[in-house]
Amino acid sequence: RPWYNFPIFLNIRVSGVTVVTQKPVLSVRKGETATMDCNLGTVTDAAYWYKQIPGGVPHSPSYDYRLIIKNVEEGDSAVYYCTKLIVTSNLPPPVLTVFPPSSAELQANTASLVCLSSQSVPFADVSWLAGGSPVSSGISTSTAVQRPDQTYQISSSLTIQTSDWNMDKVYTCKVSLGSQTSEKTIKKSECPTE
């Protein structure tokens, strides 16, 4: 039976220390079981294993410290990477400002709210709530613009019904980045009159 080689790249930095696990190449026969371990020392939670086929793009076959491939076949021969994302600090929350509809808009029986997210990152997600429920239409969000301080500014507008605004409906601009969320609410009664 033929042998299949599994090159393993496990050059992982953990707290400034490079951790290398197992032999760089694992050889097994067809039909056998290949087992690869990812030793991250004292780091907890799971690690990601990525399989890289020559000429292809990496994909993630496993989410565990140990990758087990049973009944090995030719298509399993590839380079496998073990990775672990370690976040040591949280990003500061963005500064949110929500602007009410202008008086000119309201006189024309149209209304739009504008949410400005400053001191943000370019890949933050902006969404809107109306009366506590997610809004799926009438939203226009700009691409992130980099500022001189290296942070990013994102603006998002929401077209609303003038009647809803006059009935003092609460609108919320929500900016999310992973598990971090910032919110800013607005309603007519809390806005200064012109």
N, C-alpha and C. Protein backbone atom coordinates (compact mmCIF):
# COMPACT_ATOMS: atom_id res chain seq x y z
N ARG A 1 0.84 -1.20 0.00
CA ARG A 1 0.00 0.00 0.00
C ARG A 1 0.88 1.25 0.00
N PRO A 2 0.45 2.29 -0.72
CA PRO A 2 1.28 3.50 -0.77
C PRO A 2 1.24 4.26 0.55
N TRP A 3 2.29 5.05 0.77
CA TRP A 3 2.35 5.93 1.93
C TRP A 3 1.95 7.34 1.50
N TYR A 4 1.31 8.06 2.40
CA TYR A 4 0.96 9.45 2.12
C TYR A 4 1.59 10.34 3.18
N ASN A 5 2.21 11.42 2.72
CA ASN A 5 2.86 12.35 3.62
C ASN A 5 1.94 13.53 3.93
N PHE A 6 1.96 13.98 5.17
CA PHE A 6 1.15 15.11 5.62
C PHE A 6 2.08 16.15 6.22
N PRO A 7 2.60 17.09 5.40
CA PRO A 7 3.43 18.16 5.98
C PRO A 7 2.61 18.99 6.96
N ILE A 8 3.18 19.29 8.10
CA ILE A 8 2.46 20.01 9.13
C ILE A 8 3.24 21.28 9.48
N PHE A 9 2.61 22.43 9.33
CA PHE A 9 3.24 23.69 9.68
C PHE A 9 2.59 24.20 10.96
N LEU A 10 3.34 24.18 12.05
CA LEU A 10 2.78 24.55 13.34
C LEU A 10 3.65 25.60 14.02
N ASN A 11 3.93 26.65 13.32
CA ASN A 11 4.73 27.73 13.87
C ASN A 11 3.78 28.76 14.48
N ILE A 12 3.53 28.64 15.76
CA ILE A 12 2.49 29.42 16.41
C ILE A 12 3.12 30.30 17.50
N ARG A 13 2.74 31.56 17.52
CA ARG A 13 3.25 32.45 18.55
C ARG A 13 2.21 32.58 19.66
N VAL A 14 2.64 32.25 20.87
CA VAL A 14 1.77 32.35 22.03
C VAL A 14 2.51 33.12 23.11
N SER A 15 1.99 34.30 23.45
CA SER A 15 2.63 35.15 24.45
C SER A 15 4.10 35.38 24.14
N GLY A 16 4.40 35.58 22.88
CA GLY A 16 5.76 35.89 22.48
C GLY A 16 6.67 34.69 22.35
N VAL A 17 6.16 33.48 22.58
CA VAL A 17 6.97 32.27 22.50
C VAL A 17 6.48 31.42 21.34
N THR A 18 7.40 30.98 20.49
CA THR A 18 7.02 30.13 19.37
C THR A 18 6.88 28.69 19.84
N VAL A 19 5.73 28.10 19.56
CA VAL A 19 5.47 26.72 19.96
C VAL A 19 5.41 25.85 18.71
N VAL A 20 6.24 24.83 18.65
CA VAL A 20 6.25 23.91 17.52
C VAL A 20 5.84 22.54 18.03
N THR A 21 4.88 21.92 17.37
CA THR A 21 4.38 20.64 17.83
C THR A 21 4.65 19.54 16.82
N GLN A 22 4.85 18.36 17.31
CA GLN A 22 4.94 17.14 16.52
C GLN A 22 6.00 17.22 15.43
N LYS A 23 6.20 16.11 14.73
CA LYS A 23 7.14 16.08 13.61
C LYS A 23 6.58 16.91 12.46
N PRO A 24 7.46 17.52 11.65
CA PRO A 24 6.97 18.36 10.55
C PRO A 24 6.26 17.58 9.45
N VAL A 25 6.49 16.27 9.37
CA VAL A 25 5.83 15.45 8.35
C VAL A 25 5.29 14.19 9.00
N LEU A 26 4.05 13.87 8.71
CA LEU A 26 3.42 12.64 9.20
C LEU A 26 3.15 11.73 8.02
N SER A 27 3.65 10.49 8.08
CA SER A 27 3.47 9.53 6.99
C SER A 27 2.62 8.36 7.47
N VAL A 28 1.56 8.07 6.73
CA VAL A 28 0.69 6.93 7.06
C VAL A 28 0.32 6.20 5.78
N ARG A 29 -0.11 4.95 5.93
CA ARG A 29 -0.54 4.16 4.78
C ARG A 29 -2.01 4.43 4.46
N LYS A 30 -2.37 4.17 3.22
CA LYS A 30 -3.76 4.32 2.79
C LYS A 30 -4.65 3.41 3.63
N GLY A 31 -5.78 3.96 4.10
CA GLY A 31 -6.71 3.19 4.90
C GLY A 31 -6.46 3.30 6.39
N GLU A 32 -5.29 3.81 6.78
CA GLU A 32 -4.99 3.96 8.19
C GLU A 32 -5.55 5.28 8.72
N THR A 33 -5.27 5.55 9.99
CA THR A 33 -5.73 6.78 10.63
C THR A 33 -4.55 7.72 10.88
N ALA A 34 -4.71 8.97 10.47
CA ALA A 34 -3.68 9.99 10.71
C ALA A 34 -4.13 10.87 11.87
N THR A 35 -3.24 11.04 12.85
CA THR A 35 -3.55 11.87 14.01
C THR A 35 -2.50 12.96 14.15
N MET A 36 -2.96 14.20 14.19
CA MET A 36 -2.06 15.34 14.35
C MET A 36 -2.50 16.17 15.54
N ASP A 37 -1.57 16.47 16.43
CA ASP A 37 -1.87 17.24 17.63
C ASP A 37 -1.31 18.65 17.53
N CYS A 38 -2.02 19.57 18.13
CA CYS A 38 -1.58 20.97 18.17
C CYS A 38 -1.41 21.35 19.64
N ASN A 39 -0.17 21.49 20.07
CA ASN A 39 0.12 21.79 21.46
C ASN A 39 0.32 23.29 21.64
N LEU A 40 -0.60 23.92 22.33
CA LEU A 40 -0.52 25.37 22.54
C LEU A 40 -0.17 25.71 23.98
N GLY A 41 0.44 24.79 24.68
CA GLY A 41 0.88 25.07 26.05
C GLY A 41 -0.30 25.29 26.97
N THR A 42 -0.33 26.47 27.62
CA THR A 42 -1.37 26.75 28.61
C THR A 42 -2.60 27.42 28.01
N VAL A 43 -2.59 27.65 26.71
CA VAL A 43 -3.72 28.32 26.07
C VAL A 43 -4.93 27.38 26.04
N THR A 44 -6.08 27.91 26.41
CA THR A 44 -7.30 27.09 26.44
C THR A 44 -8.16 27.34 25.21
N ASP A 45 -9.31 26.70 25.19
CA ASP A 45 -10.23 26.75 24.05
C ASP A 45 -9.66 25.99 22.87
N ALA A 46 -10.40 26.01 21.79
CA ALA A 46 -10.03 25.19 20.64
C ALA A 46 -9.09 25.91 19.69
N ALA A 47 -8.46 25.11 18.83
CA ALA A 47 -7.60 25.64 17.77
C ALA A 47 -8.21 25.28 16.43
N TYR A 48 -7.80 25.98 15.40
CA TYR A 48 -8.29 25.70 14.05
C TYR A 48 -7.23 24.94 13.26
N TRP A 49 -7.68 23.92 12.54
CA TRP A 49 -6.82 23.22 11.58
C TRP A 49 -7.26 23.61 10.17
N TYR A 50 -6.30 24.02 9.36
CA TYR A 50 -6.60 24.37 7.97
C TYR A 50 -5.85 23.43 7.04
N LYS A 51 -6.54 22.99 6.01
CA LYS A 51 -5.98 22.08 5.02
C LYS A 51 -5.70 22.86 3.74
N GLN A 52 -4.45 22.81 3.29
CA GLN A 52 -4.04 23.53 2.08
C GLN A 52 -3.65 22.52 1.01
N ILE A 53 -4.46 22.43 -0.05
CA ILE A 53 -4.17 21.56 -1.18
C ILE A 53 -3.40 22.39 -2.21
N PRO A 54 -2.33 21.86 -2.78
CA PRO A 54 -1.57 22.61 -3.78
C PRO A 54 -2.47 23.14 -4.89
N GLY A 55 -2.38 24.45 -5.13
CA GLY A 55 -3.20 25.08 -6.16
C GLY A 55 -4.58 25.46 -5.68
N GLY A 56 -4.92 25.13 -4.44
CA GLY A 56 -6.24 25.45 -3.91
C GLY A 56 -6.16 26.46 -2.78
N VAL A 57 -7.30 26.75 -2.19
CA VAL A 57 -7.35 27.69 -1.07
C VAL A 57 -7.54 26.91 0.22
N PRO A 58 -7.06 27.45 1.36
CA PRO A 58 -7.21 26.72 2.63
C PRO A 58 -8.67 26.61 3.03
N HIS A 59 -9.02 25.49 3.64
CA HIS A 59 -10.34 25.40 4.26
C HIS A 59 -10.17 24.72 5.60
N SER A 60 -11.14 24.93 6.47
CA SER A 60 -11.02 24.46 7.85
C SER A 60 -11.74 23.13 8.05
N PRO A 61 -11.00 22.02 8.19
CA PRO A 61 -11.65 20.73 8.37
C PRO A 61 -11.93 20.39 9.83
N SER A 62 -11.34 21.13 10.76
CA SER A 62 -11.48 20.75 12.16
C SER A 62 -11.35 21.95 13.08
N TYR A 63 -11.96 21.83 14.26
CA TYR A 63 -11.92 22.90 15.26
C TYR A 63 -11.58 22.25 16.60
N ASP A 64 -10.37 21.72 16.68
CA ASP A 64 -9.97 21.01 17.88
C ASP A 64 -8.45 20.95 17.92
N TYR A 65 -7.90 20.64 19.12
CA TYR A 65 -6.45 20.51 19.23
C TYR A 65 -5.94 19.31 18.45
N ARG A 66 -6.74 18.27 18.35
CA ARG A 66 -6.32 17.04 17.67
C ARG A 66 -7.11 16.85 16.39
N LEU A 67 -6.39 16.72 15.28
CA LEU A 67 -7.02 16.45 13.99
C LEU A 67 -6.86 14.97 13.68
N ILE A 68 -7.98 14.28 13.50
CA ILE A 68 -7.97 12.85 13.22
C ILE A 68 -8.59 12.61 11.85
N ILE A 69 -7.83 11.98 10.97
CA ILE A 69 -8.33 11.63 9.64
C ILE A 69 -8.39 10.11 9.56
N LYS A 70 -9.58 9.55 9.54
CA LYS A 70 -9.74 8.11 9.49
C LYS A 70 -9.78 7.62 8.04
N ASN A 71 -9.33 6.38 7.86
CA ASN A 71 -9.36 5.75 6.54
C ASN A 71 -8.72 6.67 5.48
N VAL A 72 -7.47 6.99 5.70
CA VAL A 72 -6.74 7.94 4.86
C VAL A 72 -6.75 7.52 3.39
N GLU A 73 -6.96 8.51 2.52
CA GLU A 73 -6.91 8.27 1.08
C GLU A 73 -6.04 9.34 0.43
N GLU A 74 -5.84 9.21 -0.86
CA GLU A 74 -4.91 10.09 -1.56
C GLU A 74 -5.30 11.57 -1.44
N GLY A 75 -6.59 11.85 -1.46
CA GLY A 75 -7.04 13.24 -1.38
C GLY A 75 -6.76 13.91 -0.06
N ASP A 76 -6.36 13.14 0.96
CA ASP A 76 -6.04 13.72 2.26
C ASP A 76 -4.62 14.26 2.33
N SER A 77 -3.82 13.94 1.32
CA SER A 77 -2.43 14.41 1.31
C SER A 77 -2.41 15.91 1.05
N ALA A 78 -1.93 16.68 2.02
CA ALA A 78 -1.96 18.13 1.93
C ALA A 78 -1.09 18.71 3.04
N VAL A 79 -0.96 20.03 3.03
CA VAL A 79 -0.31 20.74 4.12
C VAL A 79 -1.39 21.18 5.10
N TYR A 80 -1.20 20.86 6.38
CA TYR A 80 -2.17 21.20 7.40
C TYR A 80 -1.57 22.24 8.35
N TYR A 81 -2.33 23.31 8.58
CA TYR A 81 -1.89 24.37 9.47
C TYR A 81 -2.74 24.37 10.74
N CYS A 82 -2.07 24.47 11.86
CA CYS A 82 -2.78 24.62 13.13
C CYS A 82 -2.65 26.09 13.55
N THR A 83 -3.77 26.74 13.82
CA THR A 83 -3.73 28.16 14.18
C THR A 83 -4.61 28.43 15.39
N LYS A 84 -4.28 29.50 16.07
CA LYS A 84 -5.07 29.93 17.22
C LYS A 84 -5.03 31.45 17.30
N LEU A 85 -6.20 32.09 17.27
CA LEU A 85 -6.28 33.53 17.40
C LEU A 85 -6.37 33.89 18.88
N ILE A 86 -5.45 34.75 19.31
CA ILE A 86 -5.43 35.17 20.71
C ILE A 86 -5.59 36.69 20.76
N VAL A 87 -6.67 37.15 21.34
CA VAL A 87 -6.92 38.58 21.47
C VAL A 87 -6.56 39.01 22.88
N THR A 88 -5.63 39.95 23.00
CA THR A 88 -5.15 40.35 24.32
C THR A 88 -5.82 41.61 24.85
N SER A 89 -6.48 42.36 23.98
CA SER A 89 -7.15 43.57 24.45
C SER A 89 -8.35 43.87 23.56
N ASN A 90 -9.30 44.61 24.12
CA ASN A 90 -10.49 44.98 23.37
C ASN A 90 -10.30 46.34 22.70
N LEU A 91 -10.91 46.49 21.55
CA LEU A 91 -10.86 47.78 20.88
C LEU A 91 -11.78 48.76 21.60
N PRO A 92 -11.41 50.04 21.66
CA PRO A 92 -12.31 51.01 22.29
C PRO A 92 -13.58 51.13 21.48
N PRO A 93 -14.71 51.38 22.15
CA PRO A 93 -15.97 51.49 21.41
C PRO A 93 -15.97 52.75 20.55
N PRO A 94 -16.68 52.72 19.42
CA PRO A 94 -16.76 53.91 18.58
C PRO A 94 -17.62 54.99 19.24
N VAL A 95 -17.44 56.21 18.79
CA VAL A 95 -18.27 57.32 19.25
C VAL A 95 -19.42 57.49 18.26
N LEU A 96 -20.65 57.35 18.75
CA LEU A 96 -21.83 57.40 17.88
C LEU A 96 -22.58 58.72 18.06
N THR A 97 -22.97 59.29 16.93
CA THR A 97 -23.81 60.49 16.93
C THR A 97 -24.94 60.26 15.93
N VAL A 98 -26.17 60.47 16.38
CA VAL A 98 -27.33 60.29 15.49
C VAL A 98 -28.00 61.65 15.28
N PHE A 99 -28.16 62.01 14.02
CA PHE A 99 -28.75 63.29 13.67
C PHE A 99 -30.22 63.10 13.26
N PRO A 100 -31.10 63.99 13.73
CA PRO A 100 -32.53 63.87 13.40
C PRO A 100 -32.82 64.41 12.00
N PRO A 101 -34.03 64.21 11.51
CA PRO A 101 -34.41 64.77 10.21
C PRO A 101 -34.37 66.30 10.27
N SER A 102 -34.05 66.91 9.16
CA SER A 102 -34.06 68.38 9.11
C SER A 102 -35.50 68.87 8.99
N SER A 103 -35.71 70.12 9.37
CA SER A 103 -37.06 70.68 9.28
C SER A 103 -37.52 70.76 7.82
N ALA A 104 -36.56 70.99 6.91
CA ALA A 104 -36.91 71.04 5.48
C ALA A 104 -37.42 69.69 5.00
N GLU A 105 -36.78 68.63 5.48
CA GLU A 105 -37.24 67.28 5.12
C GLU A 105 -38.66 67.06 5.61
N LEU A 106 -38.88 67.37 6.87
CA LEU A 106 -40.18 67.10 7.47
C LEU A 106 -41.28 67.90 6.78
N GLN A 107 -40.97 69.10 6.36
CA GLN A 107 -41.96 69.91 5.65
C GLN A 107 -42.31 69.30 4.29
N ALA A 108 -41.34 68.55 3.72
CA ALA A 108 -41.57 67.89 2.43
C ALA A 108 -42.15 66.49 2.63
N ASN A 109 -42.49 66.18 3.88
CA ASN A 109 -43.09 64.89 4.23
C ASN A 109 -42.14 63.71 3.98
N THR A 110 -40.85 63.97 4.13
CA THR A 110 -39.85 62.90 4.09
C THR A 110 -39.02 63.00 5.36
N ALA A 111 -38.35 61.94 5.70
CA ALA A 111 -37.52 61.97 6.91
C ALA A 111 -36.40 60.95 6.81
N SER A 112 -35.24 61.34 7.27
CA SER A 112 -34.11 60.40 7.33
C SER A 112 -33.27 60.71 8.55
N LEU A 113 -32.75 59.66 9.15
CA LEU A 113 -31.84 59.77 10.28
C LEU A 113 -30.44 59.44 9.79
N VAL A 114 -29.45 60.09 10.37
CA VAL A 114 -28.06 59.83 9.99
C VAL A 114 -27.28 59.45 11.24
N CYS A 115 -26.59 58.31 11.18
CA CYS A 115 -25.75 57.84 12.28
C CYS A 115 -24.30 57.97 11.85
N LEU A 116 -23.51 58.68 12.64
CA LEU A 116 -22.09 58.86 12.36
C LEU A 116 -21.29 58.09 13.39
N SER A 117 -20.52 57.11 12.94
CA SER A 117 -19.67 56.31 13.82
C SER A 117 -18.23 56.77 13.65
N SER A 118 -17.67 57.39 14.69
CA SER A 118 -16.31 57.90 14.65
C SER A 118 -15.40 57.07 15.54
N GLN A 119 -14.08 57.21 15.30
CA GLN A 119 -13.06 56.48 16.06
C GLN A 119 -13.36 54.98 16.03
N SER A 120 -13.67 54.52 14.84
CA SER A 120 -14.06 53.13 14.64
C SER A 120 -13.00 52.38 13.84
N VAL A 121 -13.34 51.16 13.45
CA VAL A 121 -12.49 50.35 12.58
C VAL A 121 -13.23 50.14 11.26
N PRO A 122 -12.52 49.84 10.17
CA PRO A 122 -13.18 49.81 8.86
C PRO A 122 -14.18 48.69 8.66
N PHE A 123 -14.10 47.63 9.47
CA PHE A 123 -14.96 46.48 9.23
C PHE A 123 -16.09 46.37 10.25
N ALA A 124 -16.43 47.47 10.91
CA ALA A 124 -17.56 47.45 11.84
C ALA A 124 -18.86 47.35 11.05
N ASP A 125 -19.86 46.73 11.67
CA ASP A 125 -21.16 46.53 11.02
C ASP A 125 -22.18 47.49 11.62
N VAL A 126 -22.87 48.24 10.77
CA VAL A 126 -23.86 49.21 11.22
C VAL A 126 -25.26 48.70 10.90
N SER A 127 -26.14 48.73 11.89
CA SER A 127 -27.54 48.32 11.68
C SER A 127 -28.46 49.27 12.43
N TRP A 128 -29.75 49.17 12.12
CA TRP A 128 -30.75 50.06 12.73
C TRP A 128 -31.87 49.24 13.37
N LEU A 129 -32.44 49.81 14.42
CA LEU A 129 -33.64 49.26 15.05
C LEU A 129 -34.70 50.35 15.07
N ALA A 130 -35.94 49.96 14.88
CA ALA A 130 -37.07 50.88 14.98
C ALA A 130 -38.05 50.31 15.98
N GLY A 131 -38.23 51.00 17.09
CA GLY A 131 -39.09 50.48 18.15
C GLY A 131 -38.57 49.18 18.72
N GLY A 132 -37.27 48.97 18.66
CA GLY A 132 -36.65 47.76 19.19
C GLY A 132 -36.56 46.61 18.21
N SER A 133 -37.11 46.77 17.02
CA SER A 133 -37.09 45.70 16.01
C SER A 133 -36.10 46.04 14.90
N PRO A 134 -35.37 45.04 14.39
CA PRO A 134 -34.40 45.29 13.32
C PRO A 134 -35.06 45.84 12.06
N VAL A 135 -34.37 46.76 11.40
CA VAL A 135 -34.85 47.35 10.15
C VAL A 135 -34.06 46.74 9.00
N SER A 136 -34.75 46.36 7.93
CA SER A 136 -34.08 45.70 6.80
C SER A 136 -34.10 46.52 5.52
N SER A 137 -34.83 47.62 5.50
CA SER A 137 -34.92 48.42 4.27
C SER A 137 -34.76 49.90 4.60
N GLY A 138 -34.45 50.68 3.56
CA GLY A 138 -34.30 52.11 3.75
C GLY A 138 -32.98 52.53 4.36
N ILE A 139 -32.00 51.61 4.36
CA ILE A 139 -30.69 51.89 4.97
C ILE A 139 -29.65 52.10 3.88
N SER A 140 -28.83 53.11 4.06
CA SER A 140 -27.71 53.37 3.15
C SER A 140 -26.47 53.66 3.99
N THR A 141 -25.48 52.79 3.90
CA THR A 141 -24.27 52.91 4.72
C THR A 141 -23.06 53.15 3.83
N SER A 142 -22.25 54.12 4.21
CA SER A 142 -21.07 54.47 3.43
C SER A 142 -19.93 53.50 3.71
N THR A 143 -18.95 53.50 2.84
CA THR A 143 -17.71 52.78 3.13
C THR A 143 -16.93 53.57 4.17
N ALA A 144 -16.06 52.90 4.89
CA ALA A 144 -15.30 53.55 5.95
C ALA A 144 -14.28 54.53 5.37
N VAL A 145 -14.17 55.68 6.01
CA VAL A 145 -13.21 56.71 5.59
C VAL A 145 -12.16 56.87 6.68
N GLN A 146 -10.90 56.75 6.31
CA GLN A 146 -9.83 56.85 7.30
C GLN A 146 -9.58 58.31 7.67
N ARG A 147 -9.41 58.56 8.96
CA ARG A 147 -9.15 59.90 9.47
C ARG A 147 -7.65 60.07 9.74
N PRO A 148 -7.19 61.30 9.96
CA PRO A 148 -5.77 61.53 10.24
C PRO A 148 -5.25 60.77 11.46
N ASP A 149 -6.13 60.48 12.43
CA ASP A 149 -5.68 59.74 13.63
C ASP A 149 -5.68 58.23 13.42
N GLN A 150 -5.81 57.79 12.17
CA GLN A 150 -5.77 56.38 11.78
C GLN A 150 -7.02 55.60 12.16
N THR A 151 -8.02 56.26 12.74
CA THR A 151 -9.30 55.59 12.98
C THR A 151 -10.18 55.81 11.75
N TYR A 152 -11.36 55.21 11.79
CA TYR A 152 -12.25 55.28 10.63
C TYR A 152 -13.59 55.88 11.01
N GLN A 153 -14.22 56.50 10.02
CA GLN A 153 -15.54 57.09 10.21
C GLN A 153 -16.51 56.46 9.23
N ILE A 154 -17.65 56.04 9.73
CA ILE A 154 -18.68 55.40 8.91
C ILE A 154 -19.99 56.14 9.13
N SER A 155 -20.69 56.44 8.06
CA SER A 155 -22.00 57.07 8.19
C SER A 155 -23.08 56.16 7.60
N SER A 156 -24.24 56.18 8.23
CA SER A 156 -25.35 55.36 7.77
C SER A 156 -26.63 56.17 7.90
N SER A 157 -27.45 56.15 6.87
CA SER A 157 -28.72 56.88 6.91
C SER A 157 -29.89 55.90 6.86
N LEU A 158 -30.95 56.28 7.52
CA LEU A 158 -32.16 55.46 7.56
C LEU A 158 -33.35 56.33 7.15
N THR A 159 -34.03 55.94 6.09
CA THR A 159 -35.24 56.64 5.66
C THR A 159 -36.42 56.12 6.47
N ILE A 160 -37.17 57.03 7.08
CA ILE A 160 -38.28 56.63 7.95
C ILE A 160 -39.57 57.34 7.52
N GLN A 161 -40.67 56.86 8.08
CA GLN A 161 -41.96 57.50 7.85
C GLN A 161 -42.08 58.73 8.75
N THR A 162 -42.50 59.83 8.15
CA THR A 162 -42.68 61.06 8.95
C THR A 162 -43.67 60.84 10.08
N SER A 163 -44.69 60.05 9.82
CA SER A 163 -45.71 59.78 10.85
C SER A 163 -45.10 59.05 12.04
N ASP A 164 -44.19 58.10 11.77
CA ASP A 164 -43.54 57.38 12.86
C ASP A 164 -42.68 58.32 13.70
N TRP A 165 -41.99 59.23 13.03
CA TRP A 165 -41.16 60.20 13.76
C TRP A 165 -42.04 61.10 14.63
N ASN A 166 -43.14 61.56 14.08
CA ASN A 166 -44.03 62.44 14.84
C ASN A 166 -44.70 61.73 16.00
N MET A 167 -44.82 60.39 15.91
CA MET A 167 -45.41 59.61 17.00
C MET A 167 -44.37 59.23 18.06
N ASP A 168 -43.17 59.82 17.93
CA ASP A 168 -42.10 59.65 18.93
C ASP A 168 -41.56 58.22 18.99
N LYS A 169 -41.52 57.57 17.85
CA LYS A 169 -40.95 56.23 17.79
C LYS A 169 -39.45 56.29 18.07
N VAL A 170 -38.94 55.30 18.79
CA VAL A 170 -37.52 55.26 19.15
C VAL A 170 -36.73 54.53 18.07
N TYR A 171 -35.67 55.17 17.61
CA TYR A 171 -34.78 54.57 16.61
C TYR A 171 -33.40 54.38 17.23
N THR A 172 -32.77 53.27 16.87
CA THR A 172 -31.45 52.94 17.44
C THR A 172 -30.45 52.65 16.34
N CYS A 173 -29.31 53.30 16.42
CA CYS A 173 -28.18 52.98 15.55
C CYS A 173 -27.26 52.04 16.32
N LYS A 174 -26.94 50.92 15.72
CA LYS A 174 -26.17 49.88 16.40
C LYS A 174 -24.91 49.57 15.59
N VAL A 175 -23.76 49.67 16.21
CA VAL A 175 -22.48 49.37 15.56
C VAL A 175 -21.86 48.17 16.26
N SER A 176 -21.60 47.11 15.49
CA SER A 176 -21.09 45.86 16.06
C SER A 176 -19.73 45.51 15.49
N LEU A 177 -18.89 44.97 16.36
CA LEU A 177 -17.59 44.46 15.96
C LEU A 177 -17.34 43.20 16.77
N GLY A 178 -17.61 42.04 16.16
CA GLY A 178 -17.52 40.79 16.91
C GLY A 178 -18.56 40.78 18.01
N SER A 179 -18.11 40.56 19.25
CA SER A 179 -19.04 40.52 20.39
C SER A 179 -19.26 41.90 21.00
N GLN A 180 -18.52 42.90 20.52
CA GLN A 180 -18.67 44.26 21.04
C GLN A 180 -19.77 45.01 20.29
N THR A 181 -20.62 45.69 21.04
CA THR A 181 -21.72 46.44 20.43
C THR A 181 -21.86 47.80 21.09
N SER A 182 -22.06 48.83 20.26
CA SER A 182 -22.35 50.18 20.75
C SER A 182 -23.68 50.63 20.15
N GLU A 183 -24.49 51.32 20.95
CA GLU A 183 -25.80 51.76 20.48
C GLU A 183 -26.04 53.22 20.84
N LYS A 184 -26.82 53.88 19.99
CA LYS A 184 -27.24 55.25 20.26
C LYS A 184 -28.68 55.39 19.79
N THR A 185 -29.55 55.86 20.68
CA THR A 185 -30.97 55.99 20.34
C THR A 185 -31.33 57.45 20.08
N ILE A 186 -32.44 57.62 19.37
CA ILE A 186 -32.96 58.96 19.09
C ILE A 186 -34.47 58.88 18.94
N LYS A 187 -35.15 59.93 19.41
CA LYS A 187 -36.59 60.07 19.18
C LYS A 187 -36.92 61.56 19.19
N LYS A 188 -38.05 61.89 18.62
CA LYS A 188 -38.40 63.29 18.38
C LYS A 188 -38.42 64.11 19.67
N SER A 189 -39.01 63.56 20.73
CA SER A 189 -39.19 64.33 21.96
C SER A 189 -37.88 64.70 22.64
N GLU A 190 -36.80 64.01 22.30
CA GLU A 190 -35.50 64.29 22.91
C GLU A 190 -34.63 65.20 22.04
N CYS A 191 -35.16 65.60 20.90
CA CYS A 191 -34.39 66.46 19.99
C CYS A 191 -34.79 67.92 20.19
N PRO A 192 -33.82 68.83 20.14
CA PRO A 192 -34.16 70.25 20.28
C PRO A 192 -34.98 70.73 19.09
N THR A 193 -35.93 71.58 19.35
CA THR A 193 -36.76 72.13 18.27
C THR A 193 -36.07 73.35 17.67
N GLU A 194 -36.24 73.50 16.36
CA GLU A 194 -35.59 74.62 15.68
C GLU A 194 -36.45 75.87 15.80
